[in-house]
Amino acid sequence: MKTFFKILVLISLFYACKTEKKTPETTPEKEVVDVKLTPKLTHELNNFTHCESVVYDKKRNVYYASLIGNREKGDGSIAKVDADGKIIDTLFISGLNDPKGIAITGDKLYVSDVTVLVEADLTTGKVLREHTNENAQFLNDVEISKDGTVYVSDTQKSSIFALTTDGNFSEWFNSEALEHPNGLLNIGNDMYVAAWGNVVGEGDNKKQSGHFLKLNMDTKEITKISKDTLGNLDGVQIYDENSFLISAWNTGKIMKINTKGEVEDIVTVGRSVGDILYEPSTKVLGLPMNIQSQLLLYTLEE
C-alpha cells in the first residue's frame, strides 16, 4: 500500500511540474540619455569681410570660406584656411561679386555669385566657367548630389536651380511651399531645406520665418519637419543619422533638430550667422559671421 501511495505522489509531482506556468524573462528597457552638446571655441578669424559660407576639403585638409566683401564689383573672394585655423590666402579665388554658398567635388569648387554659378579649379584657384540662367534672381546655397548634379537655391524666387553634368543650368523646381529656400542638403532621394521663410502677417505683425523642410526629389512632395517656423534659416548640416544642425540668421542660433522635428538649442553667437559647416570626423563646427566679418571654429563636445 505504501508503494502505491508513493507512486501516486510521484505522478502528481510530475504533472504539477509540467503544468507550472513560468514567468517570462523580461529585458529591461534601455535608459534614454539626453546628450547635451557643448561647443568650445578653438579659432576666431577676423577681417573676413562679410563671411557667408564655409566648407571643409578632406582631400587637402583645408577650409574654404566665401567673403562677400564690401559689395563693390569684383571685391568678393574665397579664402583658404588650414586645419589649424591659420589663414593661407584670403584671395584664393578672387574677382567675385557677392559670393555665398560653396560646395566642392573632386578638384572643383562651385560658388553662387548673385545670379551666376561660378565653377573654379581647386588646384590653381582660377575660375573655369560661369553658369547663368535668365530666371535666376538671388542664388544662395550650393549642394552637389552623388550623380554630380549641382543644385543651387534661389532664395528670392523660391526656387532651386540645377546644373547637370552636361552643362545645362536650369530652374529645377519653383514653389512657394519651398518657403524661399536657403540651405540645401541632399541625402539619397531627399533634399533637406533650411527655409528663409514666407512673409506672413501685416503691419507690426508682419514677419518672415521658415520651417525645416524635406523635399522628395522624385515627386517634389514637401514635408515640414519642424512643427513651427524657426526663423530666417540659413545653413544645414548632418549631425548624425537621426539629426541635423541648422542655423538661424536673424537670431544667431545654432540648433540641433531630429527627424521628428524636436529642436535643441546648441549655441547663440549673434545675428547674421550664415551657411554653417559641421565635420563629423573632427567634430568641428564652422560658423561664418556676416555682419561681424568673422569665421568662428568650434569643436562640439558631448
Protein backbone atom coordinates (compact mmCIF):
# COMPACT_ATOMS: atom_id res chain seq x y z
CA MET A 1 0.00 0.00 0.00
CA LYS A 2 2.88 2.35 0.85
CA THR A 3 4.37 1.69 -2.54
CA PHE A 4 1.05 2.57 -4.19
CA PHE A 5 0.89 5.92 -2.37
CA LYS A 6 4.49 6.71 -3.31
CA ILE A 7 3.60 6.14 -6.97
CA LEU A 8 0.59 8.48 -6.71
CA VAL A 9 2.74 11.24 -5.16
CA LEU A 10 5.37 10.92 -7.89
CA ILE A 11 2.71 11.09 -10.64
CA SER A 12 1.18 14.23 -9.04
CA LEU A 13 4.54 15.95 -8.81
CA PHE A 14 5.29 15.08 -12.45
CA TYR A 15 2.09 16.69 -13.76
CA ALA A 16 2.44 19.67 -11.47
CA CYS A 17 5.88 20.40 -12.92
CA LYS A 18 4.61 20.10 -16.50
CA THR A 19 1.69 22.44 -15.98
CA GLU A 20 3.50 25.04 -13.88
CA LYS A 21 3.47 28.41 -15.65
CA LYS A 22 6.85 30.06 -15.89
CA THR A 23 7.13 33.81 -15.67
CA PRO A 24 8.70 35.00 -18.97
CA GLU A 25 12.03 36.77 -18.66
CA THR A 26 11.84 40.48 -19.39
CA THR A 27 14.57 42.63 -20.88
CA PRO A 28 14.96 45.89 -19.01
CA GLU A 29 14.30 48.97 -21.12
CA LYS A 30 17.34 50.91 -22.22
CA GLU A 31 17.85 54.13 -20.39
CA VAL A 32 17.33 57.15 -22.64
CA VAL A 33 20.24 59.50 -22.19
CA ASP A 34 19.76 63.12 -23.22
CA VAL A 35 23.13 64.03 -24.71
CA LYS A 36 23.94 67.71 -24.45
CA LEU A 37 26.38 69.25 -26.90
CA THR A 38 28.91 71.74 -25.60
CA PRO A 39 30.61 73.98 -28.18
CA LYS A 40 34.19 75.01 -27.45
CA LEU A 41 35.64 77.92 -29.43
CA THR A 42 39.04 76.98 -30.88
CA HIS A 43 39.72 79.65 -33.53
CA GLU A 44 38.41 83.14 -34.24
CA LEU A 45 39.38 84.55 -37.64
CA ASN A 46 38.80 88.27 -38.05
CA ASN A 47 38.76 90.65 -41.01
CA PHE A 48 36.94 88.06 -43.13
CA THR A 49 34.85 90.71 -44.85
CA HIS A 50 31.19 89.66 -44.53
CA CYS A 51 31.95 85.94 -44.33
CA GLU A 52 28.96 83.95 -45.59
CA SER A 53 29.79 80.25 -46.05
CA VAL A 54 32.43 77.68 -45.10
CA VAL A 55 33.22 74.14 -46.31
CA TYR A 56 35.89 71.55 -45.47
CA ASP A 57 38.08 69.89 -48.12
CA LYS A 58 39.04 66.44 -46.81
CA LYS A 59 41.42 65.75 -49.68
CA ARG A 60 43.55 68.83 -48.94
CA ASN A 61 42.68 69.16 -45.24
CA VAL A 62 41.73 72.85 -45.58
CA TYR A 63 38.67 75.08 -45.22
CA TYR A 64 37.26 77.45 -47.84
CA ALA A 65 35.17 80.45 -46.83
CA SER A 66 33.24 82.85 -49.04
CA LEU A 67 33.85 86.54 -48.36
CA ILE A 68 31.20 88.83 -49.82
CA GLY A 69 33.42 91.89 -49.50
CA ASN A 70 32.00 95.41 -49.34
CA ARG A 71 29.57 94.79 -52.20
CA GLU A 72 31.75 96.53 -54.73
CA LYS A 73 32.11 94.84 -58.09
CA GLY A 74 34.84 92.22 -58.03
CA ASP A 75 35.79 92.59 -54.34
CA GLY A 76 34.37 89.21 -53.28
CA SER A 77 36.61 86.17 -52.83
CA ILE A 78 37.09 82.66 -51.49
CA ALA A 79 39.54 82.41 -48.60
CA LYS A 80 41.65 79.34 -47.83
CA VAL A 81 42.38 78.33 -44.22
CA ASP A 82 44.45 75.39 -42.94
CA ALA A 83 43.20 72.74 -40.50
CA ASP A 84 44.83 74.59 -37.58
CA GLY A 85 42.83 77.73 -38.26
CA LYS A 86 45.65 79.67 -39.92
CA ILE A 87 44.86 81.81 -42.95
CA ILE A 88 46.60 80.63 -46.12
CA ASP A 89 45.10 83.09 -48.61
CA THR A 90 42.09 85.41 -48.38
CA LEU A 91 42.12 85.81 -52.17
CA PHE A 92 42.49 82.17 -53.17
CA ILE A 93 39.67 82.71 -55.70
CA SER A 94 39.26 86.42 -56.43
CA GLY A 95 37.26 88.74 -58.65
CA LEU A 96 33.86 87.61 -57.39
CA ASN A 97 30.98 89.96 -56.62
CA ASP A 98 28.87 88.71 -53.68
CA PRO A 99 29.81 85.01 -53.24
CA LYS A 100 27.63 82.98 -50.90
CA GLY A 101 27.12 79.20 -50.82
CA ILE A 102 30.03 76.86 -51.59
CA ALA A 103 30.27 73.17 -52.47
CA ILE A 104 33.27 71.14 -53.61
CA THR A 105 33.66 67.93 -55.57
CA GLY A 106 36.95 66.44 -56.70
CA ASP A 107 39.19 69.29 -57.82
CA LYS A 108 36.37 71.77 -58.40
CA LEU A 109 34.66 74.37 -56.26
CA TYR A 110 31.21 75.78 -57.05
CA VAL A 111 30.06 79.05 -55.52
CA SER A 112 26.92 81.11 -56.07
CA ASP A 113 27.56 84.73 -57.04
CA VAL A 114 24.30 86.73 -57.22
CA THR A 115 22.79 85.31 -60.45
CA VAL A 116 25.83 83.30 -61.54
CA LEU A 117 27.09 79.86 -60.50
CA VAL A 118 30.89 80.01 -60.62
CA GLU A 119 32.97 76.90 -61.27
CA ALA A 120 36.62 77.13 -60.15
CA ASP A 121 39.75 74.94 -60.05
CA LEU A 122 40.88 73.97 -56.54
CA THR A 123 44.43 73.38 -57.69
CA THR A 124 45.01 76.83 -59.18
CA GLY A 125 42.20 78.94 -57.73
CA LYS A 126 41.25 80.04 -61.24
CA VAL A 127 37.66 80.46 -62.44
CA LEU A 128 36.90 77.89 -65.13
CA ARG A 129 33.31 78.70 -66.11
CA GLU A 130 30.31 80.80 -65.16
CA HIS A 131 26.83 79.28 -65.45
CA THR A 132 23.87 81.62 -65.81
CA ASN A 133 20.12 81.43 -66.31
CA GLU A 134 17.84 84.35 -67.16
CA ASN A 135 15.35 83.31 -64.44
CA ALA A 136 17.87 83.43 -61.59
CA GLN A 137 17.37 86.27 -59.10
CA PHE A 138 19.30 85.57 -55.87
CA LEU A 139 21.36 82.37 -55.92
CA ASN A 140 22.35 81.23 -52.44
CA ASP A 141 23.38 77.82 -51.11
CA VAL A 142 25.04 75.14 -53.26
CA GLU A 143 24.76 71.35 -52.89
CA ILE A 144 26.12 68.53 -55.07
CA SER A 145 24.37 65.17 -55.37
CA LYS A 146 26.12 61.82 -55.85
CA ASP A 147 25.32 61.84 -59.58
CA GLY A 148 27.25 65.11 -59.98
CA THR A 149 24.28 67.47 -60.35
CA VAL A 150 24.90 70.85 -58.71
CA TYR A 151 21.83 72.30 -57.00
CA VAL A 152 21.53 75.98 -56.05
CA SER A 153 18.80 77.62 -54.00
CA ASP A 154 17.32 80.89 -55.24
CA THR A 155 16.01 82.47 -52.05
CA GLN A 156 14.29 85.43 -53.67
CA LYS A 157 12.48 83.39 -56.33
CA SER A 158 11.64 80.46 -54.01
CA SER A 159 13.29 78.09 -56.44
CA ILE A 160 16.04 75.53 -56.78
CA PHE A 161 18.23 75.58 -59.89
CA ALA A 162 20.27 72.64 -61.15
CA LEU A 163 23.47 72.30 -63.21
CA THR A 164 23.57 68.86 -64.85
CA THR A 165 26.78 67.07 -65.76
CA ASP A 166 26.29 68.01 -69.42
CA GLY A 167 26.44 71.72 -68.52
CA ASN A 168 22.73 72.59 -68.63
CA PHE A 169 21.82 75.15 -65.93
CA SER A 170 18.06 75.47 -65.48
CA GLU A 171 15.32 76.11 -62.94
CA TRP A 172 14.66 72.68 -61.46
CA PHE A 173 11.76 73.44 -59.10
CA ASN A 174 9.82 76.57 -58.16
CA SER A 175 7.25 76.67 -55.37
CA GLU A 176 6.11 78.98 -52.60
CA ALA A 177 5.93 75.81 -50.49
CA LEU A 178 9.75 75.86 -50.50
CA GLU A 179 9.37 78.98 -48.36
CA HIS A 180 12.23 80.81 -50.10
CA PRO A 181 14.90 78.13 -49.66
CA ASN A 182 18.33 78.96 -48.31
CA GLY A 183 20.39 75.99 -47.06
CA LEU A 184 20.33 72.74 -49.06
CA LEU A 185 21.41 69.23 -48.04
CA ASN A 186 20.97 66.18 -50.26
CA ILE A 187 20.68 62.71 -48.70
CA GLY A 188 19.67 59.92 -51.05
CA ASN A 189 16.42 60.85 -52.75
CA ASP A 190 15.64 63.71 -50.37
CA MET A 191 16.69 67.35 -50.37
CA TYR A 192 16.58 68.94 -46.93
CA VAL A 193 15.85 72.66 -46.99
CA ALA A 194 16.57 75.35 -44.41
CA ALA A 195 13.95 77.92 -45.43
CA TRP A 196 14.29 81.69 -45.07
CA GLY A 197 10.50 81.79 -44.85
CA ASN A 198 7.42 83.25 -46.46
CA VAL A 199 6.20 86.68 -45.39
CA VAL A 200 3.13 86.37 -43.18
CA GLY A 201 1.00 88.92 -41.35
CA GLU A 202 0.68 92.65 -41.86
CA GLY A 203 1.91 95.82 -40.21
CA ASP A 204 3.54 95.27 -36.82
CA ASN A 205 2.64 91.57 -37.01
CA LYS A 206 4.48 91.07 -40.28
CA LYS A 207 7.28 88.51 -40.13
CA GLN A 208 9.31 86.16 -42.31
CA SER A 209 10.20 82.85 -40.71
CA GLY A 210 10.85 79.44 -42.23
CA HIS A 211 10.43 75.74 -41.48
CA PHE A 212 12.99 72.98 -41.82
CA LEU A 213 11.69 71.05 -44.82
CA LYS A 214 12.22 67.75 -46.65
CA LEU A 215 11.69 67.63 -50.42
CA ASN A 216 11.22 64.31 -52.23
CA MET A 217 13.29 64.80 -55.37
CA ASP A 218 11.14 62.47 -57.49
CA THR A 219 7.63 63.51 -56.53
CA LYS A 220 8.50 67.08 -55.41
CA GLU A 221 6.42 66.43 -52.29
CA ILE A 222 7.39 68.79 -49.45
CA THR A 223 7.19 67.77 -45.78
CA LYS A 224 7.57 70.14 -42.83
CA ILE A 225 9.99 68.51 -40.38
CA SER A 226 9.86 71.32 -37.83
CA LYS A 227 6.48 71.73 -36.21
CA ASP A 228 6.78 75.51 -36.31
CA THR A 229 8.88 78.08 -38.12
CA LEU A 230 12.34 78.55 -36.61
CA GLY A 231 13.49 81.91 -38.00
CA ASN A 232 15.34 83.01 -41.12
CA LEU A 233 17.09 79.68 -41.57
CA ASP A 234 20.41 79.68 -43.41
CA GLY A 235 22.69 76.63 -43.18
CA VAL A 236 22.02 72.91 -42.68
CA GLN A 237 24.46 70.08 -41.96
CA ILE A 238 24.24 66.41 -40.94
CA TYR A 239 24.97 65.80 -37.26
CA ASP A 240 24.22 62.06 -37.11
CA GLU A 241 21.89 59.55 -38.74
CA ASN A 242 18.87 60.96 -36.92
CA SER A 243 19.56 64.67 -36.64
CA PHE A 244 20.84 67.84 -38.28
CA LEU A 245 22.41 71.13 -37.32
CA ILE A 246 20.75 74.29 -38.66
CA SER A 247 21.46 78.00 -38.29
CA ALA A 248 19.05 80.92 -37.98
CA TRP A 249 20.49 84.13 -39.43
CA ASN A 250 18.28 86.60 -37.57
CA THR A 251 18.63 85.15 -34.06
CA GLY A 252 22.19 83.79 -34.34
CA LYS A 253 21.05 80.40 -33.05
CA ILE A 254 22.62 77.06 -33.91
CA MET A 255 20.07 74.30 -33.33
CA LYS A 256 20.03 70.53 -33.47
CA ILE A 257 16.82 69.12 -34.94
CA ASN A 258 15.98 65.45 -35.30
CA THR A 259 13.82 63.72 -37.89
CA LYS A 260 10.81 64.00 -35.56
CA GLY A 261 11.11 67.77 -35.52
CA GLU A 262 12.40 68.03 -31.94
CA VAL A 263 14.67 71.04 -31.54
CA GLU A 264 17.55 71.69 -29.15
CA ASP A 265 19.43 75.00 -28.95
CA ILE A 266 23.21 74.45 -29.08
CA VAL A 267 24.69 77.95 -29.02
CA THR A 268 23.75 81.53 -29.84
CA VAL A 269 26.54 83.52 -31.49
CA GLY A 270 24.88 86.69 -32.68
CA ARG A 271 22.80 87.89 -35.59
CA SER A 272 23.97 87.05 -39.13
CA VAL A 273 25.37 83.53 -38.75
CA GLY A 274 25.38 82.10 -42.27
CA ASP A 275 25.92 78.82 -44.12
CA ILE A 276 27.49 76.64 -41.43
CA LEU A 277 29.84 73.65 -41.55
CA TYR A 278 29.91 70.53 -39.39
CA GLU A 279 32.63 67.93 -39.96
CA PRO A 280 31.78 64.73 -38.01
CA SER A 281 35.29 63.23 -38.26
CA THR A 282 36.81 66.12 -36.30
CA LYS A 283 33.62 67.42 -34.62
CA VAL A 284 34.44 70.88 -35.99
CA LEU A 285 31.58 73.36 -36.24
CA GLY A 286 32.34 76.31 -38.54
CA LEU A 287 30.28 79.47 -38.20
CA PRO A 288 30.61 82.28 -40.77
CA MET A 289 29.53 85.60 -39.28
CA ASN A 290 28.40 88.06 -41.95
CA ILE A 291 27.99 91.36 -40.10
CA GLN A 292 30.91 90.66 -37.76
CA SER A 293 33.26 89.69 -40.66
CA GLN A 294 34.44 86.64 -38.73
CA LEU A 295 34.86 82.91 -39.14
CA LEU A 296 34.41 81.05 -35.83
CA LEU A 297 35.61 77.46 -35.47
CA TYR A 298 34.29 75.35 -32.58
CA THR A 299 34.56 71.74 -31.52
CA LEU A 300 31.34 70.08 -30.34
CA GLU A 301 31.83 68.01 -27.21
CA GLU A 302 29.21 65.65 -25.78
